[in-house]
Amino acid sequence: MLKIDKEACIGCGICEDTCTFSAIEVVDGVAVVGDNCTLCGNCVDVCEVGALSIDKVEKKVVADLADWTGVWVYAEFRDGRVAPVAFELLGAGRKLADQLGVPLSAVLLGSGLDNNAQDLVAYGADKVYQIDDPALTHFTDDAYANVFEDLIREHKPEIVLAGATAIGRSFIPRLATMLATGLTADCTALAIREEDGALMQTRPAFGGNIMATIECSTSRPQMATVRPLVLKPNGRDDSRQGEIVKVTPDPARLLSRVKVLRSVREETNEVNINEADVLVAGGRGLDSEKGFEMIRELAGLLGGATAASRAAVDSGWVPYPHQVGQTGKTVCPKVYFACGISGAVQHMVGMQSSDTIIVINRDENAPIFDVATYGVVGDVFEVLPKLISRLQDQRAGEGDN
């Protein structure tokens, strides 16, 4: 907490002027701190008389960290099937578990789960904790978090991973709070630190301008939600053997303050760039909305869809549903064309898992070339028309035959 020595304070007001959160006010010649103080310490640094200080409460290291072992993946179940992000997490979780020398488990919650647990084994799980109960037919934060908390407290996994989906973002933070542990949201990379086995969780920060690597060193489990389509699933292996543990939850823990009357799937005509095998994306280098006519034409010839960087969307050249990146959609097509896109971190986070990345940019030093499978250094207004013309000629030749 921020402490103010009233005897030393001279009421100069420098701290009040410095505070960007308006948390300090000089009243009757003495600084007074409000509830919105973030303990940033700026006021302490500028106080010339040393009247301000921060009492730091050292967080006690949990003594029983060694009791927690194993890697768990939350296998999201919706619309009668396991969400694809669960298989992606199992791919990453398998690597983490093997490096730590511990088992990999999946947690499957829902109703009418049928043989979905066996699918999780085929994609890498050594064990699947399955809770199949009619009370879990519709997702609710409290019921899902309650039964998941009970499982974690009983078995004590050291790592818990979930997808950064609408459901994951809804109840996983609640679960972390109930367990009094840390959570890193929206991760794009995970790794194990060799010297102590800690989970290194990487995510974009400060608007995507830096990549922050975060650790949870004093509490367990270490929890992270991961963006869909960022990680690669392992291939399915139906010969794998695993244990399926059917768990009967405490009925009291299934009670929810929310009653879902019905679930309605939204119908929309908006493009879903997540499902396209080929994406042709344009950025600021297209100069105008007219420049995107080439992008649309090339996408049409390739049987693909049109995508865009945030700069192009913010300029009004393309609607938001086409945006790829941290504040848009994460995509993983077979082929991704990046045309006139410089390669800001927040954009590359959303497309760097594409199977093949083809970059066209006149700046040979553009960061986007760092993730390119193939790169063309040239003006998009020269390269794209030639590419379009070649494809048109090829299509015409096929038609003649």
Foldseek 3Di string as FASTA:
>chain_A
DKAFQQVQQQLPCPLCVQDPQNQWDQDPRGIDGHPPDPPPCPSCVPDPRNRMDDDDDDDDFDPVLVQAAEEEEEQDDDPQATDPQSLLVLQVRQVLCVLVVGFYEYEYEEAPNPCRRLQSLQQHHQEYEYEHDHLRNDDDQQLVLLQVLVVCVVRRHQEYEYALDPRCVRRVVVNCVVQVFDEAEAFLDWDADPPPRWIWTWDAPPLNQDIDTDTGRRGDRYYYHYYPPRGDTDDGHSVGDHYYHYDYDDVVSSDDPDDDPDDDDDDDPDDQQQPWQEEEEEECLLVALVSCVLSCLVCVLVVTYYAYDVRCCVVVSDPQQRYFFQPHAAHAHQEYEYEHDLCRSRRCSRYLNHNAYEYEEQDPPRPVVVSHPYYDNDRCVPPSVVVSVVSVVVVVVVVVD
